[in-house]
Amino acid sequence: MKISSSRRGAWIVNTSKHLSEINPSHPGLSYLENIAFAGRCGSLLITLSGDVPEQLDHRKVKAHARNCGIGGPELQTYLGTLNAYGCLDWDVSEKTYEVLAFSRQRVLATTSDILLGSPLSGFERVLPDLLEFCLLRPRLSSEMHEYLSVPLPEEDAKHLIELVSSFGILGVVETPDEYEKLYFNRYQFGDKAKDIGKALLMLPEERREELDLAIEAVAKRPGMPLDDLKTSEVTKNLAVGLGLLDVSEVASPTGAVKFVTSARLAPPSVGSQTSHLEDDVFHHAKMLLSSFRYGQLRSTASRGRINDPAFLVDRLLNTGEIGPCTAIGQDYVTLEASGVIRTVPAKHRSGNQFSMQLRRREPAQIVFDLFESGVSDTIAARSVPQDLQLPLDYKGPEVSGATAYRRMVRQDAASMRAFMAELRT
C-alpha cells in the first residue's frame, strides 16, 4: 500500500532517531546516512516550528539543534537545508532567525521531500515502505524477499534485511522452520511476534492471502464496522486474536457496534521503546475514530449526522470547534468522559444543541493523518442497526483481542489442537 509523504516523513524521523543510538563508526550506517540527515532535519524543524511564525536568536537555535544531536560546523548545513526548503530564514548578521509556521503534517512531508531530494541509495528509497509493510503484520523471510525482489537485486535485498535486523530497526525471531525467520515491528507486536510467526507458518497460502486481504480492506476503510469485513469468521478471529486487527466497541442501551482498525493506526515507531503517553494517545485516537464512525452511521441529518469524518477532523484541527447540533451532545459522551473533547451548550440555539471543542489535539491529528494517507472507500449507514441510542461505554482493542483469541482457539478442534501444540512447544 502506498504511503503518504507525511507518513514517510514519520518513518524517516523515527529511523533517524534510532540510528543515532548506533556506534557512529559502524560501516553499515553509510548505507542510511541520507535518512539519518533528513530525519535530523525533520527533528530540528519539529522543535523550531510552532503554530505561528516566530523569531529566535542564534543561541536558542543552537540549543534546539543540540537537543536534536546537531552541533558544531554541521549546524550550518542543516540550517541551510531548511532554508532551501522554505522553512526558515535569517538576517544578514545571522543572529536572528525567522521560523515559518509549520503543521506537524507539513513538517513530516518536508522531511520526506528532503530525503527524496538527496542522492539516495536503493536501501534508503525502499526502507520506509518496508517498515510500513512490516507494521501491517509480521513477515516471514520469504515474504520479505518477495516484497524486495522488485525494487532491489537479490544480494541488496539480503543486505538490507541484515541491516534492519542488526540495527534493531525491525525485530527478528527464529521460527520452527529452519529456513524462515520472522521480522516485525517491535513496538507494535512485541512478545506476540513468536505466536504470530508460528500461526503464519501453519496457515495454507490461501488463508494467508485471505488474512492480508482483510488487513488491506481495513486499512482502506479505517474504523469500519466489524460486520462489514467480508472474510470468514476464522480469519477475523485469527486477525483479532493475534493483534493484527484491533476491534473497539461502542455500546448503547439498545445494542453495540464493533469497529475495526489495522496496525496503520499505530505510531511509525522504530525499536521497542515508546512512552506510556504515546500509548495513551493512540488509545484515544482509536476511541475518537470509533466514536466518529458511530456518529456517522447511527445519526440522522436532522440531528447533525457526520457525512465525512475526515472533513470533521480537519475542521476540528483548524478551528478547534465544530457545531452546534443535537448529535454532539449525545453521541460522543465517551470521548468527553475521557477528556479528549469538551462539549459547550449553544445558548443562542433552540433545542438541546452543543458545540464540540478539542481538548487533546494529538489523537485528532493521528486520525486525520490516517484519512490523509489515501483512504477513500465509504461506509454505508446500513452497516449498523438504526435503533441504537446514546453511547454509554467504549471497550478498547485489548478486550476484543482477548475474546477473539478465545474464539479462535475453539474453532475447528483438530486444527486448533495442532495450533496450540505449536504455541506451547
Protein backbone atom coordinates (compact mmCIF):
# COMPACT_ATOMS: atom_id res chain seq x y z
CA MET A 1 0.00 0.00 0.00
CA LYS A 2 1.32 3.43 -0.96
CA ILE A 3 2.16 5.66 1.99
CA SER A 4 1.67 9.42 2.15
CA SER A 5 4.57 11.86 2.25
CA SER A 6 3.82 12.73 5.89
CA ARG A 7 3.76 9.05 6.86
CA ARG A 8 7.06 8.54 5.03
CA GLY A 9 8.46 11.53 6.90
CA ALA A 10 7.43 9.99 10.22
CA TRP A 11 9.31 6.79 9.37
CA ILE A 12 12.36 8.86 8.39
CA VAL A 13 12.38 10.85 11.65
CA ASN A 14 11.91 7.76 13.82
CA THR A 15 14.51 5.75 11.92
CA SER A 16 16.98 8.62 12.24
CA LYS A 17 16.43 8.81 15.99
CA HIS A 18 17.01 5.08 16.27
CA LEU A 19 20.18 5.21 14.16
CA SER A 20 21.60 7.92 16.45
CA GLU A 21 21.97 5.21 19.11
CA ILE A 22 24.23 3.10 16.86
CA ASN A 23 28.01 3.37 17.17
CA PRO A 24 28.88 6.07 14.58
CA SER A 25 31.84 4.02 13.35
CA HIS A 26 29.56 1.17 12.21
CA PRO A 27 30.21 0.75 8.46
CA GLY A 28 26.56 -0.11 7.80
CA LEU A 29 25.49 3.45 8.63
CA SER A 30 26.95 4.65 5.33
CA TYR A 31 24.02 3.00 3.53
CA LEU A 32 21.49 5.03 5.52
CA GLU A 33 23.28 8.36 6.00
CA ASN A 34 20.76 10.35 3.94
CA ILE A 35 17.90 9.01 6.08
CA ALA A 36 19.85 9.98 9.19
CA PHE A 37 20.41 13.50 7.81
CA ALA A 38 16.82 14.06 6.61
CA GLY A 39 15.46 12.71 9.89
CA ARG A 40 17.57 15.12 11.94
CA CYS A 41 16.37 17.97 9.69
CA GLY A 42 12.82 16.91 10.49
CA SER A 43 13.53 16.65 14.22
CA LEU A 44 15.06 20.14 14.21
CA LEU A 45 12.12 21.59 12.29
CA ILE A 46 9.64 19.94 14.67
CA THR A 47 11.49 21.60 17.57
CA LEU A 48 11.82 25.03 15.96
CA SER A 49 8.42 25.49 14.32
CA GLY A 50 5.17 26.41 16.01
CA ASP A 51 1.62 27.37 15.13
CA VAL A 52 2.68 30.91 14.16
CA PRO A 53 5.87 32.36 12.62
CA GLU A 54 8.45 33.09 15.28
CA GLN A 55 11.79 34.85 15.57
CA LEU A 56 14.57 33.11 17.50
CA ASP A 57 18.07 34.29 18.31
CA HIS A 58 21.09 32.20 17.36
CA ARG A 59 21.59 30.98 20.93
CA LYS A 60 18.11 29.41 21.05
CA VAL A 61 18.54 27.84 17.62
CA LYS A 62 21.83 26.26 18.73
CA ALA A 63 20.20 24.94 21.90
CA HIS A 64 17.33 23.35 19.94
CA ALA A 65 19.81 21.86 17.47
CA ARG A 66 21.95 20.38 20.24
CA ASN A 67 18.84 18.72 21.64
CA CYS A 68 18.44 17.03 18.23
CA GLY A 69 22.05 15.82 18.21
CA ILE A 70 23.27 18.57 15.89
CA GLY A 71 26.20 20.80 16.80
CA GLY A 72 29.39 22.47 15.64
CA PRO A 73 30.03 23.32 11.99
CA GLU A 74 27.41 20.83 10.77
CA LEU A 75 24.65 23.06 12.16
CA GLN A 76 25.03 25.45 9.21
CA THR A 77 24.47 22.56 6.80
CA TYR A 78 21.18 21.70 8.49
CA LEU A 79 20.05 25.32 8.66
CA GLY A 80 20.98 25.82 5.01
CA THR A 81 18.89 22.80 4.04
CA LEU A 82 15.85 24.04 5.98
CA ASN A 83 16.31 27.44 4.34
CA ALA A 84 16.45 25.86 0.87
CA TYR A 85 13.11 24.13 1.57
CA GLY A 86 11.47 27.38 2.68
CA CYS A 87 11.29 26.55 6.38
CA LEU A 88 13.34 29.36 7.89
CA ASP A 89 15.40 32.44 7.06
CA TRP A 90 17.81 34.77 8.88
CA ASP A 91 19.03 38.34 8.82
CA VAL A 92 22.34 39.48 7.34
CA SER A 93 24.10 39.20 10.70
CA GLU A 94 22.85 35.59 11.11
CA LYS A 95 21.85 36.43 14.67
CA THR A 96 18.07 36.40 14.25
CA TYR A 97 16.20 33.53 12.61
CA GLU A 98 12.61 33.59 11.42
CA VAL A 99 10.95 30.19 11.56
CA LEU A 100 7.81 29.82 9.47
CA ALA A 101 4.66 28.20 10.86
CA PHE A 102 4.60 24.50 10.01
CA SER A 103 1.94 21.98 11.00
CA ARG A 104 3.10 18.56 12.12
CA GLN A 105 1.90 17.13 8.83
CA ARG A 106 3.81 19.71 6.78
CA VAL A 107 6.98 19.14 8.82
CA LEU A 108 6.87 15.42 8.07
CA ALA A 109 6.08 15.97 4.38
CA THR A 110 9.06 18.36 4.16
CA THR A 111 11.25 15.71 5.80
CA SER A 112 10.20 13.29 3.08
CA ASP A 113 11.00 15.90 0.40
CA ILE A 114 14.47 16.45 1.88
CA LEU A 115 15.22 12.74 1.68
CA LEU A 116 13.87 12.38 -1.85
CA GLY A 117 15.98 15.38 -2.88
CA SER A 118 19.16 13.58 -1.77
CA PRO A 119 21.29 11.13 -3.79
CA LEU A 120 19.54 8.09 -2.33
CA SER A 121 20.87 4.61 -2.01
CA GLY A 122 18.47 1.85 -3.03
CA PHE A 123 18.17 0.93 0.64
CA GLU A 124 17.01 4.42 1.61
CA ARG A 125 14.44 4.60 -1.16
CA VAL A 126 12.68 1.40 -0.09
CA LEU A 127 13.18 1.36 3.70
CA PRO A 128 10.12 3.46 4.76
CA ASP A 129 7.86 1.27 2.60
CA LEU A 130 9.42 -1.88 4.03
CA LEU A 131 8.81 -0.65 7.58
CA GLU A 132 5.15 0.07 6.75
CA PHE A 133 4.89 -3.41 5.18
CA CYS A 134 6.10 -4.96 8.45
CA LEU A 135 3.82 -2.76 10.56
CA LEU A 136 0.68 -4.23 8.99
CA ARG A 137 1.74 -7.67 10.20
CA PRO A 138 4.97 -9.59 10.91
CA ARG A 139 6.61 -11.03 7.79
CA LEU A 140 8.41 -14.29 7.13
CA SER A 141 11.83 -14.23 5.42
CA SER A 142 10.28 -15.49 2.19
CA GLU A 143 7.73 -12.66 2.24
CA MET A 144 10.45 -10.07 2.87
CA HIS A 145 12.49 -11.30 -0.08
CA GLU A 146 9.44 -11.40 -2.34
CA TYR A 147 8.49 -7.83 -1.37
CA LEU A 148 12.03 -6.54 -2.03
CA SER A 149 12.52 -8.51 -5.26
CA VAL A 150 11.04 -5.70 -7.39
CA PRO A 151 12.98 -2.64 -6.12
CA LEU A 152 16.29 -4.35 -5.23
CA PRO A 153 18.63 -7.01 -6.63
CA GLU A 154 18.66 -10.21 -4.57
CA GLU A 155 22.01 -9.53 -2.88
CA ASP A 156 20.97 -5.99 -1.95
CA ALA A 157 17.71 -7.30 -0.52
CA LYS A 158 19.64 -9.75 1.68
CA HIS A 159 21.96 -6.96 2.80
CA LEU A 160 19.09 -4.60 3.70
CA ILE A 161 17.35 -7.32 5.71
CA GLU A 162 20.61 -7.95 7.59
CA LEU A 163 20.99 -4.22 8.30
CA VAL A 164 17.48 -3.66 9.67
CA SER A 165 17.79 -6.68 11.95
CA SER A 166 21.34 -5.96 13.17
CA PHE A 167 20.46 -2.30 13.86
CA GLY A 168 17.26 -3.34 15.65
CA ILE A 169 15.10 -1.33 13.25
CA LEU A 170 12.95 -4.45 12.99
CA GLY A 171 12.73 -7.25 15.48
CA VAL A 172 13.63 -10.74 14.31
CA VAL A 173 12.92 -14.16 15.84
CA GLU A 174 13.58 -17.72 14.79
CA THR A 175 10.65 -19.91 13.74
CA PRO A 176 10.15 -23.69 13.86
CA ASP A 177 11.08 -23.73 10.16
CA GLU A 178 14.87 -23.52 9.97
CA TYR A 179 14.64 -21.71 6.62
CA GLU A 180 12.29 -18.99 7.86
CA LYS A 181 12.78 -16.10 10.26
CA LEU A 182 10.12 -13.62 11.30
CA TYR A 183 10.61 -9.84 11.00
CA PHE A 184 8.30 -7.49 12.87
CA ASN A 185 7.76 -4.04 14.34
CA ARG A 186 8.86 -4.50 17.94
CA TYR A 187 6.69 -1.74 19.38
CA GLN A 188 3.51 -2.94 17.68
CA PHE A 189 3.88 -6.70 18.12
CA GLY A 190 6.49 -7.25 20.84
CA ASP A 191 6.14 -10.59 22.59
CA LYS A 192 3.23 -11.59 20.34
CA ALA A 193 5.56 -11.98 17.35
CA LYS A 194 6.55 -15.58 18.08
CA ASP A 195 2.92 -16.68 18.32
CA ILE A 196 2.12 -14.86 15.08
CA GLY A 197 5.09 -16.45 13.34
CA LYS A 198 4.03 -19.95 14.35
CA ALA A 199 0.48 -19.25 13.21
CA LEU A 200 1.63 -17.90 9.83
CA LEU A 201 3.77 -20.98 9.20
CA MET A 202 0.77 -23.22 9.82
CA LEU A 203 -1.57 -21.30 7.54
CA PRO A 204 -2.03 -22.52 3.97
CA GLU A 205 -1.16 -19.91 1.37
CA GLU A 206 -4.80 -19.18 0.52
CA ARG A 207 -5.60 -18.49 4.20
CA ARG A 208 -2.61 -16.17 4.48
CA GLU A 209 -3.80 -14.33 1.37
CA GLU A 210 -7.27 -14.03 2.91
CA LEU A 211 -5.69 -12.59 6.05
CA ASP A 212 -3.77 -10.00 4.02
CA LEU A 213 -6.88 -9.02 2.07
CA ALA A 214 -8.75 -8.46 5.34
CA ILE A 215 -5.93 -6.27 6.70
CA GLU A 216 -5.81 -4.26 3.45
CA ALA A 217 -9.60 -3.80 3.46
CA VAL A 218 -9.49 -2.35 6.96
CA ALA A 219 -6.54 -0.12 6.08
CA LYS A 220 -8.64 1.38 3.25
CA ARG A 221 -11.70 1.87 5.48
CA PRO A 222 -10.38 2.61 8.98
CA GLY A 223 -12.99 2.29 11.68
CA MET A 224 -15.31 0.18 9.52
CA PRO A 225 -17.94 -1.93 11.35
CA LEU A 226 -16.57 -5.41 12.02
CA ASP A 227 -19.67 -6.97 10.44
CA ASP A 228 -18.80 -5.18 7.19
CA LEU A 229 -15.48 -7.01 6.89
CA LYS A 230 -16.07 -9.57 4.14
CA THR A 231 -13.99 -12.50 5.27
CA SER A 232 -14.54 -15.74 7.16
CA GLU A 233 -15.10 -15.77 10.92
CA VAL A 234 -11.99 -17.94 11.27
CA THR A 235 -9.87 -15.25 9.58
CA LYS A 236 -11.49 -12.46 11.60
CA ASN A 237 -10.79 -14.23 14.88
CA LEU A 238 -7.27 -15.09 13.78
CA ALA A 239 -6.52 -11.47 12.83
CA VAL A 240 -8.03 -10.01 16.01
CA GLY A 241 -6.74 -12.71 18.34
CA LEU A 242 -3.17 -12.30 17.12
CA GLY A 243 -3.37 -8.50 17.28
CA LEU A 244 -3.17 -7.91 13.52
CA LEU A 245 -6.50 -6.07 13.65
CA ASP A 246 -7.92 -4.08 16.56
CA VAL A 247 -11.62 -4.07 17.44
CA SER A 248 -13.22 -1.34 19.55
CA GLU A 249 -16.82 -1.41 20.76
CA VAL A 250 -19.22 1.48 21.31
CA ALA A 251 -22.22 0.35 23.35
CA SER A 252 -25.69 1.87 23.79
CA PRO A 253 -28.74 0.67 25.77
CA THR A 254 -30.22 -0.95 22.64
CA GLY A 255 -27.11 -2.59 21.24
CA ALA A 256 -23.44 -2.19 20.43
CA VAL A 257 -21.32 -1.70 17.33
CA LYS A 258 -17.81 -3.03 16.88
CA PHE A 259 -15.36 -1.04 14.75
CA VAL A 260 -12.10 -2.39 13.39
CA THR A 261 -8.76 -0.72 12.67
CA SER A 262 -5.46 -2.02 11.36
CA ALA A 263 -1.96 -1.50 12.68
CA ARG A 264 -1.74 1.61 10.49
CA LEU A 265 -3.41 3.37 13.41
CA ALA A 266 -0.19 2.85 15.34
CA PRO A 267 2.89 5.03 15.60
CA PRO A 268 5.58 4.57 12.93
CA SER A 269 7.88 3.57 15.78
CA VAL A 270 11.33 2.10 15.22
CA GLY A 271 12.56 -0.11 18.03
CA SER A 272 10.60 -1.15 21.09
CA GLN A 273 10.65 1.96 23.30
CA THR A 274 7.59 4.20 23.11
CA SER A 275 6.35 6.21 26.06
CA HIS A 276 3.20 5.41 28.02
CA LEU A 277 1.91 8.83 26.99
CA GLU A 278 2.09 7.81 23.33
CA ASP A 279 0.29 4.56 24.15
CA ASP A 280 -2.45 6.65 25.75
CA VAL A 281 -2.60 8.98 22.75
CA PHE A 282 -3.12 6.09 20.33
CA HIS A 283 -5.79 4.59 22.61
CA HIS A 284 -7.63 7.91 22.41
CA ALA A 285 -7.13 8.02 18.63
CA LYS A 286 -8.89 4.65 18.30
CA MET A 287 -11.66 5.88 20.58
CA LEU A 288 -12.03 9.07 18.52
CA LEU A 289 -12.22 7.18 15.23
CA SER A 290 -14.74 4.64 16.56
CA SER A 291 -16.90 7.37 18.10
CA PHE A 292 -16.96 9.42 14.90
CA ARG A 293 -17.86 6.32 12.88
CA TYR A 294 -20.64 5.62 15.38
CA GLY A 295 -21.97 9.15 14.93
CA GLN A 296 -21.69 8.89 11.15
CA LEU A 297 -23.60 5.62 10.90
CA ARG A 298 -26.08 5.96 13.74
CA SER A 299 -27.30 9.55 13.48
CA THR A 300 -29.70 11.38 11.14
CA ALA A 301 -29.31 14.56 9.12
CA SER A 302 -31.73 16.46 11.35
CA ARG A 303 -29.58 15.74 14.42
CA GLY A 304 -26.31 16.70 12.71
CA ARG A 305 -25.06 13.47 11.15
CA ILE A 306 -21.41 13.28 10.10
CA ASN A 307 -21.19 12.86 6.34
CA ASP A 308 -17.40 12.91 6.10
CA PRO A 309 -15.35 12.14 9.24
CA ALA A 310 -12.15 13.34 7.55
CA PHE A 311 -13.68 16.79 6.95
CA LEU A 312 -14.92 16.90 10.54
CA VAL A 313 -11.49 16.09 11.99
CA ASP A 314 -9.82 18.60 9.67
CA ARG A 315 -12.27 21.28 10.82
CA LEU A 316 -11.60 20.47 14.47
CA LEU A 317 -7.85 20.73 13.94
CA ASN A 318 -8.04 24.01 12.02
CA THR A 319 -10.71 25.86 14.01
CA GLY A 320 -10.75 23.97 17.31
CA GLU A 321 -14.55 23.72 17.28
CA ILE A 322 -17.47 22.26 15.31
CA GLY A 323 -21.23 22.53 15.69
CA PRO A 324 -23.59 23.26 17.21
CA CYS A 325 -26.04 20.39 16.72
CA THR A 326 -28.04 17.91 18.77
CA ALA A 327 -25.88 14.87 17.99
CA ILE A 328 -22.77 16.38 19.58
CA GLY A 329 -24.42 16.40 22.98
CA GLN A 330 -25.49 12.75 22.73
CA ASP A 331 -23.20 10.67 20.51
CA TYR A 332 -19.77 11.50 21.93
CA VAL A 333 -20.14 11.18 25.69
CA THR A 334 -17.35 8.56 25.95
CA LEU A 335 -14.92 10.95 24.26
CA GLU A 336 -15.97 13.70 26.63
CA ALA A 337 -15.67 11.47 29.68
CA SER A 338 -12.12 10.54 28.64
CA GLY A 339 -11.09 14.16 28.26
CA VAL A 340 -10.47 14.06 24.50
CA ILE A 341 -13.15 16.66 23.75
CA ARG A 342 -15.41 19.06 25.61
CA THR A 343 -18.97 20.00 24.67
CA VAL A 344 -20.35 23.50 25.09
CA PRO A 345 -24.11 24.29 25.18
CA ALA A 346 -25.29 26.54 22.35
CA LYS A 347 -27.05 29.24 24.36
CA HIS A 348 -28.47 31.05 21.34
CA ARG A 349 -29.87 27.96 19.58
CA SER A 350 -33.22 26.33 20.21
CA GLY A 351 -33.32 22.76 21.43
CA ASN A 352 -30.61 20.77 23.15
CA GLN A 353 -27.66 21.69 20.89
CA PHE A 354 -23.95 21.62 21.66
CA SER A 355 -20.64 22.52 20.05
CA MET A 356 -17.57 20.27 20.25
CA GLN A 357 -14.08 21.52 21.13
CA LEU A 358 -10.81 19.58 21.14
CA ARG A 359 -9.07 19.13 24.49
CA ARG A 360 -6.39 16.79 23.13
CA ARG A 361 -5.11 17.65 19.68
CA GLU A 362 -2.77 14.71 19.07
CA PRO A 363 -5.42 11.94 18.79
CA ALA A 364 -7.31 14.02 16.21
CA GLN A 365 -4.09 14.62 14.26
CA ILE A 366 -3.37 10.88 14.20
CA VAL A 367 -6.86 10.10 12.88
CA PHE A 368 -6.60 12.85 10.25
CA ASP A 369 -3.21 11.53 9.10
CA LEU A 370 -4.82 8.12 8.70
CA PHE A 371 -7.53 9.55 6.44
CA GLU A 372 -4.94 11.65 4.58
CA SER A 373 -2.85 8.57 3.78
CA GLY A 374 -5.03 7.67 0.81
CA VAL A 375 -8.20 6.22 2.31
CA SER A 376 -11.17 6.81 0.03
CA ASP A 377 -13.66 3.96 0.47
CA THR A 378 -17.01 4.88 2.00
CA ILE A 379 -19.10 3.06 4.59
CA ALA A 380 -22.85 2.62 4.22
CA ALA A 381 -25.18 3.65 7.04
CA ARG A 382 -26.97 0.30 6.76
CA SER A 383 -23.84 -1.27 8.26
CA VAL A 384 -25.18 -0.72 11.78
CA PRO A 385 -28.58 -1.12 13.47
CA GLN A 386 -30.65 2.05 13.12
CA ASP A 387 -32.23 1.86 16.60
CA LEU A 388 -29.00 2.48 18.51
CA GLN A 389 -29.23 5.07 21.26
CA LEU A 390 -26.94 7.19 23.41
CA PRO A 391 -23.48 5.52 23.60
CA LEU A 392 -22.67 4.72 27.21
CA ASP A 393 -19.49 2.67 27.01
CA TYR A 394 -16.34 2.15 24.98
CA LYS A 395 -14.25 -1.03 25.01
CA GLY A 396 -10.77 -0.85 23.55
CA PRO A 397 -8.99 -3.44 21.39
CA GLU A 398 -7.44 -5.22 24.38
CA VAL A 399 -10.89 -6.58 25.37
CA SER A 400 -11.90 -7.71 21.88
CA GLY A 401 -8.46 -9.18 21.24
CA ALA A 402 -8.66 -11.48 24.23
CA THR A 403 -12.20 -12.55 23.31
CA ALA A 404 -11.27 -13.23 19.69
CA TYR A 405 -8.27 -15.26 20.77
CA ARG A 406 -10.52 -17.50 22.85
CA ARG A 407 -12.95 -17.85 19.95
CA MET A 408 -10.09 -18.65 17.61
CA VAL A 409 -8.97 -21.49 19.86
CA ARG A 410 -12.47 -23.01 19.82
CA GLN A 411 -12.67 -23.03 16.02
CA ASP A 412 -12.06 -26.34 14.20
CA ALA A 413 -10.93 -28.65 17.01
CA ALA A 414 -8.30 -30.63 15.10
CA SER A 415 -6.59 -27.57 13.62
CA MET A 416 -6.73 -25.72 16.90
CA ARG A 417 -5.19 -28.64 18.81
CA ALA A 418 -2.28 -28.59 16.36
CA PHE A 419 -2.08 -24.82 16.61
CA MET A 420 -1.97 -24.86 20.42
CA ALA A 421 0.63 -27.61 20.37
CA GLU A 422 2.83 -25.38 18.23
CA LEU A 423 2.34 -22.41 20.55
CA ARG A 424 3.30 -24.45 23.61
CA THR A 425 6.46 -26.07 22.26
